[in-house]
Amino acid sequence: MGILDFIILAIIAAIAGAIGQALAGYSLGGCLISAVVGYIGALIGFWLSRQLGLPEPFVIVVGDQPFPVLWSIIGSLILSLIIGLLSRRRTLVDY
């Protein structure tokens, strides 16, 4: 995998991560964080699809690396929801 393939995969992961975060309603950060969330979401989604025996309907192949876009978005959504639930700000009520 060359540097151009890596950049293309990073852009696809960033877009998938941003879509997953937008669907979850919780943003973890900027473009770089969206790319990381997209990659982690791809791992989560790929694992989830294998466990449930589901197909991969939308896969983009860059170079020789397949990237499951739909499962990346679903995994990013799940990851963003979990982090959003765990890191909700607590408000103090002053009586």
C-alpha atoms as a PDB file:
ATOM      1  CA  MET A   1       0.000   0.000   0.000  1.00  0.00           C
ATOM      2  CA  GLY A   2       1.420   3.318  -1.071  1.00  0.00           C
ATOM      3  CA  ILE A   3       1.052   6.737   0.489  1.00  0.00           C
ATOM      4  CA  LEU A   4      -1.692   7.694  -1.980  1.00  0.00           C
ATOM      5  CA  ASP A   5      -3.718   4.587  -1.051  1.00  0.00           C
ATOM      6  CA  PHE A   6      -3.323   5.445   2.626  1.00  0.00           C
ATOM      7  CA  ILE A   7      -4.504   9.032   2.060  1.00  0.00           C
ATOM      8  CA  ILE A   8      -7.542   7.827   0.094  1.00  0.00           C
ATOM      9  CA  LEU A   9      -8.426   5.322   2.837  1.00  0.00           C
ATOM     10  CA  ALA A  10      -8.022   8.060   5.470  1.00  0.00           C
ATOM     11  CA  ILE A  11     -10.401  10.333   3.552  1.00  0.00           C
ATOM     12  CA  ILE A  12     -12.980   7.547   3.179  1.00  0.00           C
ATOM     13  CA  ALA A  13     -12.652   6.691   6.878  1.00  0.00           C
ATOM     14  CA  ALA A  14     -13.043  10.361   7.839  1.00  0.00           C
ATOM     15  CA  ILE A  15     -16.227  10.663   5.799  1.00  0.00           C
ATOM     16  CA  ALA A  16     -17.632   7.428   7.237  1.00  0.00           C
ATOM     17  CA  GLY A  17     -16.691   8.520  10.764  1.00  0.00           C
ATOM     18  CA  ALA A  18     -18.282  11.938  10.286  1.00  0.00           C
ATOM     19  CA  ILE A  19     -21.502  10.352   9.005  1.00  0.00           C
ATOM     20  CA  GLY A  20     -21.568   7.947  11.962  1.00  0.00           C
ATOM     21  CA  GLN A  21     -21.012  10.803  14.409  1.00  0.00           C
ATOM     22  CA  ALA A  22     -23.702  12.904  12.747  1.00  0.00           C
ATOM     23  CA  LEU A  23     -26.191  10.047  12.996  1.00  0.00           C
ATOM     24  CA  ALA A  24     -25.300   9.547  16.659  1.00  0.00           C
ATOM     25  CA  GLY A  25     -25.669  13.251  17.379  1.00  0.00           C
ATOM     26  CA  TYR A  26     -22.351  13.379  19.238  1.00  0.00           C
ATOM     27  CA  SER A  27     -19.147  14.684  17.702  1.00  0.00           C
ATOM     28  CA  LEU A  28     -15.848  13.648  19.220  1.00  0.00           C
ATOM     29  CA  GLY A  29     -13.705  16.192  17.402  1.00  0.00           C
ATOM     30  CA  GLY A  30     -12.455  17.362  14.037  1.00  0.00           C
ATOM     31  CA  CYS A  31     -11.469  15.669  10.807  1.00  0.00           C
ATOM     32  CA  LEU A  32      -8.562  13.665  12.214  1.00  0.00           C
ATOM     33  CA  ILE A  33     -10.711  12.324  15.038  1.00  0.00           C
ATOM     34  CA  SER A  34     -13.432  11.469  12.509  1.00  0.00           C
ATOM     35  CA  ALA A  35     -10.880   9.433  10.530  1.00  0.00           C
ATOM     36  CA  VAL A  36      -9.846   7.550  13.671  1.00  0.00           C
ATOM     37  CA  VAL A  37     -13.495   6.972  14.594  1.00  0.00           C
ATOM     38  CA  GLY A  38     -14.078   5.756  11.012  1.00  0.00           C
ATOM     39  CA  TYR A  39     -11.225   3.247  11.235  1.00  0.00           C
ATOM     40  CA  ILE A  40     -12.288   2.004  14.660  1.00  0.00           C
ATOM     41  CA  GLY A  41     -15.881   1.953  13.441  1.00  0.00           C
ATOM     42  CA  ALA A  42     -14.806  -0.179  10.494  1.00  0.00           C
ATOM     43  CA  LEU A  43     -13.246  -2.682  12.890  1.00  0.00           C
ATOM     44  CA  ILE A  44     -16.315  -2.710  15.129  1.00  0.00           C
ATOM     45  CA  GLY A  45     -18.710  -2.950  12.194  1.00  0.00           C
ATOM     46  CA  PHE A  46     -16.657  -5.647  10.455  1.00  0.00           C
ATOM     47  CA  TRP A  47     -16.540  -7.694  13.665  1.00  0.00           C
ATOM     48  CA  LEU A  48     -20.276  -7.202  14.209  1.00  0.00           C
ATOM     49  CA  SER A  49     -21.130  -8.270  10.662  1.00  0.00           C
ATOM     50  CA  ARG A  50     -18.987 -11.407  11.028  1.00  0.00           C
ATOM     51  CA  GLN A  51     -20.596 -12.303  14.364  1.00  0.00           C
ATOM     52  CA  LEU A  52     -24.110 -11.903  12.968  1.00  0.00           C
ATOM     53  CA  GLY A  53     -23.292 -13.493   9.611  1.00  0.00           C
ATOM     54  CA  LEU A  54     -24.350 -10.408   7.637  1.00  0.00           C
ATOM     55  CA  PRO A  55     -23.041  -9.527   4.172  1.00  0.00           C
ATOM     56  CA  GLU A  56     -20.908  -6.508   3.298  1.00  0.00           C
ATOM     57  CA  PRO A  57     -23.070  -4.649   0.787  1.00  0.00           C
ATOM     58  CA  PHE A  58     -20.853  -1.591   0.143  1.00  0.00           C
ATOM     59  CA  VAL A  59     -17.096  -2.208   0.059  1.00  0.00           C
ATOM     60  CA  ILE A  60     -14.553   0.128  -1.517  1.00  0.00           C
ATOM     61  CA  VAL A  61     -11.250  -1.441  -2.525  1.00  0.00           C
ATOM     62  CA  VAL A  62      -8.285   0.944  -2.552  1.00  0.00           C
ATOM     63  CA  GLY A  63      -5.120  -0.692  -3.781  1.00  0.00           C
ATOM     64  CA  ASP A  64      -5.466  -4.147  -2.278  1.00  0.00           C
ATOM     65  CA  GLN A  65      -7.258  -3.072   0.917  1.00  0.00           C
ATOM     66  CA  PRO A  66     -11.048  -3.515   1.148  1.00  0.00           C
ATOM     67  CA  PHE A  67     -12.868  -0.937   3.279  1.00  0.00           C
ATOM     68  CA  PRO A  68     -16.444  -1.789   4.417  1.00  0.00           C
ATOM     69  CA  VAL A  69     -18.088   1.634   4.187  1.00  0.00           C
ATOM     70  CA  LEU A  70     -21.553   0.707   5.455  1.00  0.00           C
ATOM     71  CA  TRP A  71     -20.184  -1.245   8.427  1.00  0.00           C
ATOM     72  CA  SER A  72     -17.757   1.568   9.146  1.00  0.00           C
ATOM     73  CA  ILE A  73     -20.653   4.019   9.409  1.00  0.00           C
ATOM     74  CA  ILE A  74     -22.608   1.621  11.637  1.00  0.00           C
ATOM     75  CA  GLY A  75     -19.546   0.963  13.799  1.00  0.00           C
ATOM     76  CA  SER A  76     -18.826   4.704  14.058  1.00  0.00           C
ATOM     77  CA  LEU A  77     -22.421   5.278  15.082  1.00  0.00           C
ATOM     78  CA  ILE A  78     -22.149   2.624  17.812  1.00  0.00           C
ATOM     79  CA  LEU A  79     -18.792   3.973  19.015  1.00  0.00           C
ATOM     80  CA  SER A  80     -20.061   7.563  19.101  1.00  0.00           C
ATOM     81  CA  LEU A  81     -23.191   6.544  20.989  1.00  0.00           C
ATOM     82  CA  ILE A  82     -21.183   4.653  23.601  1.00  0.00           C
ATOM     83  CA  ILE A  83     -18.688   7.482  24.097  1.00  0.00           C
ATOM     84  CA  GLY A  84     -21.498  10.030  24.145  1.00  0.00           C
ATOM     85  CA  LEU A  85     -23.340   8.106  26.843  1.00  0.00           C
ATOM     86  CA  LEU A  86     -20.223   7.636  28.951  1.00  0.00           C
ATOM     87  CA  SER A  87     -19.005  11.217  28.732  1.00  0.00           C
ATOM     88  CA  ARG A  88     -22.189  13.210  29.186  1.00  0.00           C
ATOM     89  CA  ARG A  89     -21.591  16.327  31.199  1.00  0.00           C
ATOM     90  CA  ARG A  90     -23.068  16.232  34.620  1.00  0.00           C
ATOM     91  CA  THR A  91     -24.743  19.449  35.731  1.00  0.00           C
ATOM     92  CA  LEU A  92     -24.768  20.441  39.334  1.00  0.00           C
ATOM     93  CA  VAL A  93     -27.989  21.780  40.683  1.00  0.00           C
ATOM     94  CA  ASP A  94     -27.556  24.445  43.312  1.00  0.00           C
ATOM     95  CA  TYR A  95     -30.384  24.430  45.831  1.00  0.00           C
END
